[in-house]
Amino acid sequence: MDDTLVKTNKHNNIGNRSDLNSVIPVTTGAMASGNGWQSVKFGKLATGRYIALQCFDTQDGTPLSVAEIYLRDVNGQRIARDQWQVKYANSENENGNHTGDKAFDLQESTYWQTEESAEMPHLLVISLMFSYSEEEL
């Protein structure tokens, strides 16, 4: 079978990769290792149609995992995720069904996970489908 015709669930079309070199991030920081809800306050209102999560390192060198991303609007309400789509992911572990869309699929038991051999930095770009103003991830 011709490998160029093999269907994949991955979101790694290089034409969709965002060039973040000239972009000033809304916020930067580190997340704690392990399970549990974590929140990132932006410190200012951010408006946009896309959100890009970029990870330069992991706590223990293992593949990156992210589950259930939410955004909160200026009133503290969660922004609906039912129309969100993955625009790009540099790495997705298809073997465990850990593609980028699992980071916001309304299922706490599923998650996006990078492949073990994937090089840093990791990047997940999500299209919110509409422009929103948000303050928290």
N, C-alpha and C. Protein backbone atom coordinates (compact mmCIF):
# COMPACT_ATOMS: atom_id res chain seq x y z
N MET A 1 0.84 -1.18 0.00
CA MET A 1 0.00 0.00 0.00
C MET A 1 0.89 1.24 0.00
N ASP A 2 0.50 2.23 -0.75
CA ASP A 2 1.23 3.49 -0.82
C ASP A 2 1.04 4.26 0.48
N ASP A 3 2.15 4.54 1.20
CA ASP A 3 2.08 5.23 2.50
C ASP A 3 1.49 6.62 2.41
N THR A 4 1.54 7.25 1.26
CA THR A 4 1.00 8.60 1.13
C THR A 4 -0.52 8.61 1.17
N LEU A 5 -1.14 7.44 1.00
CA LEU A 5 -2.60 7.35 0.99
C LEU A 5 -3.17 6.83 2.31
N VAL A 6 -2.32 6.55 3.28
CA VAL A 6 -2.79 6.04 4.56
C VAL A 6 -3.46 7.16 5.34
N LYS A 7 -4.70 6.90 5.79
CA LYS A 7 -5.44 7.89 6.57
C LYS A 7 -4.92 7.90 7.99
N THR A 8 -4.81 9.09 8.56
CA THR A 8 -4.35 9.23 9.93
C THR A 8 -5.28 10.18 10.68
N ASN A 9 -5.35 10.01 11.98
CA ASN A 9 -6.13 10.90 12.82
C ASN A 9 -5.29 12.06 13.35
N LYS A 10 -4.03 12.08 12.99
CA LYS A 10 -3.14 13.11 13.51
C LYS A 10 -3.42 14.47 12.87
N HIS A 11 -3.09 15.50 13.61
CA HIS A 11 -3.31 16.88 13.18
C HIS A 11 -1.96 17.56 12.94
N ASN A 12 -1.09 16.90 12.17
CA ASN A 12 0.28 17.38 12.03
C ASN A 12 0.63 17.87 10.62
N ASN A 13 -0.33 18.39 9.90
CA ASN A 13 -0.06 18.97 8.59
C ASN A 13 0.85 20.18 8.78
N ILE A 14 2.05 20.12 8.24
CA ILE A 14 3.05 21.17 8.46
C ILE A 14 2.55 22.54 7.99
N GLY A 15 1.63 22.56 7.03
CA GLY A 15 1.06 23.82 6.57
C GLY A 15 0.20 24.50 7.62
N ASN A 16 -0.24 23.75 8.63
CA ASN A 16 -1.05 24.31 9.72
C ASN A 16 -0.23 24.68 10.94
N ARG A 17 1.07 24.42 10.91
CA ARG A 17 1.92 24.74 12.06
C ARG A 17 2.06 26.26 12.19
N SER A 18 1.78 26.77 13.36
CA SER A 18 1.88 28.21 13.61
C SER A 18 3.33 28.61 13.83
N ASP A 19 3.72 29.75 13.28
CA ASP A 19 5.05 30.32 13.54
C ASP A 19 4.90 31.27 14.72
N LEU A 20 5.38 30.84 15.87
CA LEU A 20 5.22 31.62 17.10
C LEU A 20 6.44 32.48 17.41
N ASN A 21 7.42 32.51 16.51
CA ASN A 21 8.66 33.24 16.77
C ASN A 21 8.45 34.73 17.02
N SER A 22 7.51 35.35 16.34
CA SER A 22 7.31 36.79 16.50
C SER A 22 6.09 37.12 17.37
N VAL A 23 5.52 36.11 18.00
CA VAL A 23 4.33 36.30 18.82
C VAL A 23 4.72 36.47 20.28
N ILE A 24 4.09 37.43 20.94
CA ILE A 24 4.31 37.62 22.38
C ILE A 24 3.24 36.80 23.10
N PRO A 25 3.65 35.82 23.92
CA PRO A 25 2.66 34.99 24.60
C PRO A 25 1.80 35.80 25.57
N VAL A 26 0.55 35.40 25.71
CA VAL A 26 -0.34 36.04 26.68
C VAL A 26 0.17 35.77 28.08
N THR A 27 0.68 34.56 28.31
CA THR A 27 1.25 34.21 29.61
C THR A 27 2.25 33.09 29.44
N THR A 28 3.14 32.95 30.38
CA THR A 28 4.09 31.84 30.42
C THR A 28 4.13 31.32 31.84
N GLY A 29 4.63 30.13 32.01
CA GLY A 29 4.73 29.57 33.35
C GLY A 29 4.95 28.09 33.31
N ALA A 30 4.83 27.47 34.46
CA ALA A 30 5.02 26.03 34.59
C ALA A 30 3.82 25.43 35.31
N MET A 31 3.49 24.22 34.95
CA MET A 31 2.41 23.49 35.61
C MET A 31 3.03 22.50 36.57
N ALA A 32 2.32 22.18 37.62
CA ALA A 32 2.77 21.18 38.58
C ALA A 32 2.65 19.80 37.95
N SER A 33 3.54 18.90 38.32
CA SER A 33 3.49 17.53 37.83
C SER A 33 2.33 16.80 38.50
N GLY A 34 1.73 15.86 37.78
CA GLY A 34 0.70 15.02 38.39
C GLY A 34 -0.70 15.36 37.95
N ASN A 35 -1.64 14.66 38.56
CA ASN A 35 -3.05 14.80 38.23
C ASN A 35 -3.69 15.95 38.98
N GLY A 36 -4.86 16.34 38.54
CA GLY A 36 -5.62 17.37 39.24
C GLY A 36 -5.78 18.62 38.40
N TRP A 37 -6.81 19.38 38.72
CA TRP A 37 -7.10 20.61 38.00
C TRP A 37 -6.05 21.67 38.29
N GLN A 38 -5.64 22.37 37.26
CA GLN A 38 -4.72 23.48 37.41
C GLN A 38 -5.25 24.64 36.58
N SER A 39 -4.99 25.83 37.03
CA SER A 39 -5.51 27.01 36.37
C SER A 39 -4.38 27.99 36.09
N VAL A 40 -4.48 28.67 34.96
CA VAL A 40 -3.51 29.70 34.59
C VAL A 40 -4.29 30.99 34.36
N LYS A 41 -4.05 31.98 35.19
CA LYS A 41 -4.67 33.30 35.01
C LYS A 41 -3.78 34.10 34.05
N PHE A 42 -4.40 34.72 33.08
CA PHE A 42 -3.64 35.47 32.07
C PHE A 42 -3.11 36.79 32.60
N GLY A 43 -3.74 37.35 33.60
CA GLY A 43 -3.29 38.62 34.14
C GLY A 43 -3.81 39.82 33.35
N LYS A 44 -4.40 39.54 32.20
CA LYS A 44 -5.02 40.58 31.38
C LYS A 44 -5.99 39.89 30.43
N LEU A 45 -6.88 40.64 29.88
CA LEU A 45 -7.85 40.11 28.94
C LEU A 45 -7.15 39.76 27.63
N ALA A 46 -7.43 38.59 27.10
CA ALA A 46 -6.87 38.16 25.82
C ALA A 46 -8.03 37.85 24.88
N THR A 47 -7.93 38.33 23.66
CA THR A 47 -8.97 38.09 22.67
C THR A 47 -8.36 37.38 21.48
N GLY A 48 -9.03 36.32 21.03
CA GLY A 48 -8.52 35.59 19.88
C GLY A 48 -9.41 34.45 19.47
N ARG A 49 -9.08 33.87 18.34
CA ARG A 49 -9.82 32.74 17.80
C ARG A 49 -9.07 31.42 17.99
N TYR A 50 -7.80 31.51 18.29
CA TYR A 50 -6.96 30.33 18.47
C TYR A 50 -6.28 30.39 19.82
N ILE A 51 -5.96 29.21 20.35
CA ILE A 51 -5.12 29.12 21.53
C ILE A 51 -4.00 28.15 21.20
N ALA A 52 -2.79 28.53 21.54
CA ALA A 52 -1.63 27.68 21.30
C ALA A 52 -0.98 27.35 22.63
N LEU A 53 -0.84 26.07 22.92
CA LEU A 53 -0.12 25.61 24.10
C LEU A 53 1.24 25.12 23.62
N GLN A 54 2.29 25.68 24.15
CA GLN A 54 3.63 25.27 23.76
C GLN A 54 4.38 24.84 25.01
N CYS A 55 4.98 23.66 24.96
CA CYS A 55 5.70 23.10 26.10
C CYS A 55 7.15 22.87 25.70
N PHE A 56 8.06 23.47 26.47
CA PHE A 56 9.48 23.36 26.17
C PHE A 56 10.16 22.23 26.92
N ASP A 57 9.50 21.70 27.96
CA ASP A 57 10.10 20.65 28.78
C ASP A 57 9.00 20.00 29.61
N THR A 58 9.23 18.76 30.04
CA THR A 58 8.30 18.10 30.96
C THR A 58 9.01 17.89 32.29
N GLN A 59 8.24 17.64 33.32
CA GLN A 59 8.78 17.51 34.67
C GLN A 59 9.80 16.38 34.78
N ASP A 60 9.51 15.25 34.14
CA ASP A 60 10.35 14.07 34.33
C ASP A 60 10.81 13.43 33.03
N GLY A 61 10.72 14.16 31.93
CA GLY A 61 11.18 13.63 30.65
C GLY A 61 10.23 12.66 29.98
N THR A 62 9.06 12.45 30.55
CA THR A 62 8.08 11.56 29.95
C THR A 62 7.23 12.33 28.94
N PRO A 63 6.45 11.61 28.13
CA PRO A 63 5.59 12.31 27.17
C PRO A 63 4.64 13.29 27.87
N LEU A 64 4.31 14.34 27.18
CA LEU A 64 3.41 15.37 27.69
C LEU A 64 1.97 14.87 27.62
N SER A 65 1.20 15.12 28.66
CA SER A 65 -0.22 14.77 28.68
C SER A 65 -1.03 15.97 29.14
N VAL A 66 -2.14 16.24 28.45
CA VAL A 66 -3.03 17.35 28.81
C VAL A 66 -4.46 16.87 28.64
N ALA A 67 -5.27 17.08 29.69
CA ALA A 67 -6.68 16.69 29.64
C ALA A 67 -7.57 17.86 30.00
N GLU A 68 -8.66 17.96 29.32
CA GLU A 68 -9.76 18.87 29.63
C GLU A 68 -9.38 20.33 29.81
N ILE A 69 -9.00 20.92 28.70
CA ILE A 69 -8.72 22.36 28.66
C ILE A 69 -10.05 23.12 28.66
N TYR A 70 -10.12 24.11 29.51
CA TYR A 70 -11.25 25.03 29.53
C TYR A 70 -10.71 26.45 29.41
N LEU A 71 -11.50 27.32 28.85
CA LEU A 71 -11.22 28.76 28.87
C LEU A 71 -12.37 29.44 29.59
N ARG A 72 -12.05 30.46 30.35
CA ARG A 72 -13.09 31.23 31.05
C ARG A 72 -13.15 32.63 30.46
N ASP A 73 -14.37 33.10 30.30
CA ASP A 73 -14.56 34.45 29.76
C ASP A 73 -14.42 35.50 30.86
N VAL A 74 -14.68 36.74 30.52
CA VAL A 74 -14.50 37.85 31.47
C VAL A 74 -15.44 37.75 32.67
N ASN A 75 -16.51 36.96 32.56
CA ASN A 75 -17.45 36.77 33.67
C ASN A 75 -17.14 35.51 34.46
N GLY A 76 -16.03 34.84 34.13
CA GLY A 76 -15.66 33.62 34.83
C GLY A 76 -16.39 32.38 34.36
N GLN A 77 -17.15 32.49 33.28
CA GLN A 77 -17.91 31.36 32.75
C GLN A 77 -17.07 30.59 31.74
N ARG A 78 -17.23 29.27 31.74
CA ARG A 78 -16.52 28.45 30.75
C ARG A 78 -17.05 28.72 29.35
N ILE A 79 -16.14 28.82 28.40
CA ILE A 79 -16.50 28.98 27.00
C ILE A 79 -16.82 27.61 26.43
N ALA A 80 -17.94 27.50 25.72
CA ALA A 80 -18.37 26.22 25.15
C ALA A 80 -17.28 25.65 24.25
N ARG A 81 -17.05 24.33 24.37
CA ARG A 81 -15.98 23.68 23.62
C ARG A 81 -16.48 22.78 22.51
N ASP A 82 -17.78 22.68 22.32
CA ASP A 82 -18.33 21.71 21.39
C ASP A 82 -17.95 21.95 19.93
N GLN A 83 -17.53 23.15 19.57
CA GLN A 83 -17.13 23.40 18.19
C GLN A 83 -15.62 23.56 18.03
N TRP A 84 -14.87 23.44 19.10
CA TRP A 84 -13.41 23.57 19.01
C TRP A 84 -12.85 22.49 18.09
N GLN A 85 -11.75 22.80 17.41
CA GLN A 85 -11.07 21.84 16.54
C GLN A 85 -9.57 21.99 16.71
N VAL A 86 -8.87 20.87 16.59
CA VAL A 86 -7.41 20.93 16.61
C VAL A 86 -6.95 21.42 15.26
N LYS A 87 -6.17 22.48 15.27
CA LYS A 87 -5.59 23.03 14.04
C LYS A 87 -4.25 22.34 13.76
N TYR A 88 -3.46 22.11 14.83
CA TYR A 88 -2.15 21.49 14.67
C TYR A 88 -1.69 20.89 15.99
N ALA A 89 -1.02 19.76 15.90
CA ALA A 89 -0.33 19.16 17.05
C ALA A 89 0.96 18.55 16.52
N ASN A 90 2.09 18.90 17.13
CA ASN A 90 3.36 18.40 16.61
C ASN A 90 3.51 16.90 16.87
N SER A 91 2.84 16.40 17.89
CA SER A 91 2.94 14.98 18.23
C SER A 91 1.65 14.52 18.88
N GLU A 92 1.18 13.35 18.48
CA GLU A 92 -0.02 12.75 19.07
C GLU A 92 0.19 11.25 19.14
N ASN A 93 -0.12 10.65 20.26
CA ASN A 93 0.02 9.21 20.44
C ASN A 93 -1.27 8.53 19.99
N GLU A 94 -1.29 8.07 18.74
CA GLU A 94 -2.47 7.40 18.20
C GLU A 94 -2.67 6.02 18.82
N ASN A 95 -1.59 5.38 19.25
CA ASN A 95 -1.69 4.02 19.78
C ASN A 95 -2.61 3.94 20.99
N GLY A 96 -2.62 4.96 21.80
CA GLY A 96 -3.50 4.97 22.96
C GLY A 96 -4.71 5.85 22.77
N ASN A 97 -4.98 6.25 21.51
CA ASN A 97 -6.09 7.15 21.22
C ASN A 97 -5.93 8.46 22.00
N HIS A 98 -4.73 9.03 21.95
CA HIS A 98 -4.42 10.25 22.69
C HIS A 98 -4.13 11.40 21.72
N THR A 99 -5.03 11.61 20.77
CA THR A 99 -4.86 12.69 19.81
C THR A 99 -5.22 14.04 20.45
N GLY A 100 -4.87 15.12 19.76
CA GLY A 100 -5.03 16.46 20.31
C GLY A 100 -6.44 16.81 20.73
N ASP A 101 -7.43 16.29 20.02
CA ASP A 101 -8.82 16.61 20.36
C ASP A 101 -9.25 16.05 21.72
N LYS A 102 -8.48 15.12 22.25
CA LYS A 102 -8.81 14.56 23.57
C LYS A 102 -8.52 15.54 24.70
N ALA A 103 -7.84 16.65 24.40
CA ALA A 103 -7.55 17.67 25.42
C ALA A 103 -8.78 18.49 25.77
N PHE A 104 -9.85 18.36 24.97
CA PHE A 104 -11.05 19.16 25.23
C PHE A 104 -12.32 18.43 24.81
N ASP A 105 -12.35 17.11 24.91
CA ASP A 105 -13.46 16.31 24.40
C ASP A 105 -14.58 16.04 25.40
N LEU A 106 -14.58 16.74 26.52
CA LEU A 106 -15.62 16.61 27.56
C LEU A 106 -15.55 15.27 28.29
N GLN A 107 -14.44 14.56 28.18
CA GLN A 107 -14.25 13.28 28.85
C GLN A 107 -13.00 13.35 29.72
N GLU A 108 -13.15 13.37 31.02
CA GLU A 108 -12.00 13.49 31.91
C GLU A 108 -11.06 12.29 31.84
N SER A 109 -11.54 11.16 31.33
CA SER A 109 -10.71 9.96 31.27
C SER A 109 -9.82 9.91 30.03
N THR A 110 -10.00 10.84 29.09
CA THR A 110 -9.17 10.87 27.89
C THR A 110 -8.27 12.10 27.92
N TYR A 111 -7.18 12.05 27.16
CA TYR A 111 -6.22 13.15 27.19
C TYR A 111 -5.33 13.11 25.95
N TRP A 112 -4.78 14.29 25.62
CA TRP A 112 -3.77 14.38 24.57
C TRP A 112 -2.45 13.96 25.18
N GLN A 113 -1.73 13.12 24.45
CA GLN A 113 -0.40 12.70 24.89
C GLN A 113 0.52 12.66 23.68
N THR A 114 1.74 13.17 23.87
CA THR A 114 2.72 13.14 22.79
C THR A 114 3.36 11.76 22.72
N GLU A 115 3.95 11.48 21.57
CA GLU A 115 4.66 10.22 21.40
C GLU A 115 5.96 10.27 22.21
N GLU A 116 6.40 9.11 22.66
CA GLU A 116 7.59 9.04 23.51
C GLU A 116 8.84 9.60 22.82
N SER A 117 8.94 9.41 21.53
CA SER A 117 10.14 9.83 20.80
C SER A 117 10.06 11.27 20.28
N ALA A 118 8.96 11.95 20.52
CA ALA A 118 8.77 13.30 19.97
C ALA A 118 9.71 14.31 20.61
N GLU A 119 10.29 15.15 19.76
CA GLU A 119 11.21 16.18 20.24
C GLU A 119 10.45 17.42 20.72
N MET A 120 11.04 18.09 21.69
CA MET A 120 10.50 19.35 22.20
C MET A 120 10.84 20.47 21.22
N PRO A 121 10.15 21.56 21.20
CA PRO A 121 8.98 21.84 22.03
C PRO A 121 7.74 21.17 21.45
N HIS A 122 6.77 20.92 22.32
CA HIS A 122 5.48 20.38 21.88
C HIS A 122 4.52 21.54 21.67
N LEU A 123 3.67 21.39 20.67
CA LEU A 123 2.75 22.47 20.33
C LEU A 123 1.38 21.89 20.00
N LEU A 124 0.36 22.46 20.62
CA LEU A 124 -1.04 22.13 20.33
C LEU A 124 -1.75 23.44 20.03
N VAL A 125 -2.30 23.56 18.82
CA VAL A 125 -3.03 24.76 18.42
C VAL A 125 -4.50 24.37 18.24
N ILE A 126 -5.36 25.08 18.95
CA ILE A 126 -6.79 24.79 18.93
C ILE A 126 -7.53 25.98 18.32
N SER A 127 -8.40 25.68 17.36
CA SER A 127 -9.28 26.71 16.81
C SER A 127 -10.54 26.74 17.66
N LEU A 128 -10.85 27.91 18.22
CA LEU A 128 -12.06 28.07 19.02
C LEU A 128 -13.27 28.28 18.11
N MET A 129 -13.04 28.45 16.83
CA MET A 129 -14.04 28.64 15.77
C MET A 129 -14.66 30.04 15.77
N PHE A 130 -14.60 30.74 16.88
CA PHE A 130 -15.09 32.11 16.97
C PHE A 130 -14.08 32.90 17.80
N SER A 131 -14.10 34.20 17.70
CA SER A 131 -13.22 35.03 18.51
C SER A 131 -13.85 35.25 19.88
N TYR A 132 -13.06 35.02 20.91
CA TYR A 132 -13.52 35.19 22.29
C TYR A 132 -12.55 36.06 23.05
N SER A 133 -13.04 36.64 24.15
CA SER A 133 -12.18 37.32 25.11
C SER A 133 -12.14 36.44 26.34
N GLU A 134 -10.93 36.08 26.77
CA GLU A 134 -10.80 35.17 27.90
C GLU A 134 -9.73 35.66 28.86
N GLU A 135 -9.84 35.18 30.10
CA GLU A 135 -8.90 35.60 31.14
C GLU A 135 -8.18 34.44 31.81
N GLU A 136 -8.64 33.21 31.55
CA GLU A 136 -8.10 32.08 32.31
C GLU A 136 -8.15 30.81 31.48
N LEU A 137 -7.14 29.98 31.66
CA LEU A 137 -7.05 28.66 31.03
C LEU A 137 -7.06 27.64 32.13
